[in-house]
Amino acid sequence: MDRLALPAVLESMGAFQEFVTGKLERAGAAPLVCTRVEMVLEELLTNIIYYAYPNGEGEIALDCGVKDGALRIRITDSGVPFNMLDKPDPDTTLSVDERAIGGLGIFLVREVMDEVRYERKNDTNVLHLTLSLQ
């Protein structure tokens, strides 16, 4: 896997998305797949930027590769422990007015990706993502 590490700021978002989209395009992924993965990255990276580093600047490292027909992404940060996957899925049977605020983005991440897993390892938040391209 190749790595891109950048400051944990919104201005880094485009570079992270281009990094992953480039891998997908070289692997022959459909444009819709690229768009969905960009949406996933926007959701996850935005959460990291806002919640992992509430008191200052930090860094996000994104490792990415395509192997055996699957996109594999690992996102790491050394911010405060934060498992965004702990949030329960929203009740999508309720109308928009009846639903609690928040949680829909992570729900969509789980729907798009085949695997989404979090671990806290050596004072680091680690998100593992996998998506079959076949």
Foldseek 3Di string as FASTA:
>chain_A
DDKDKDKLDPVCLVVVLCVQLVQCVVVVFDPVLSVLVSLLSVLVSVCCSCPQCVPDMWMKMWDWHADPQKIKIKIKTLGDDDDPVPDDAWDPVDDPVPTDPDRPSVVSSPVSFPDWDWDQDPSMIMIITMHGRD
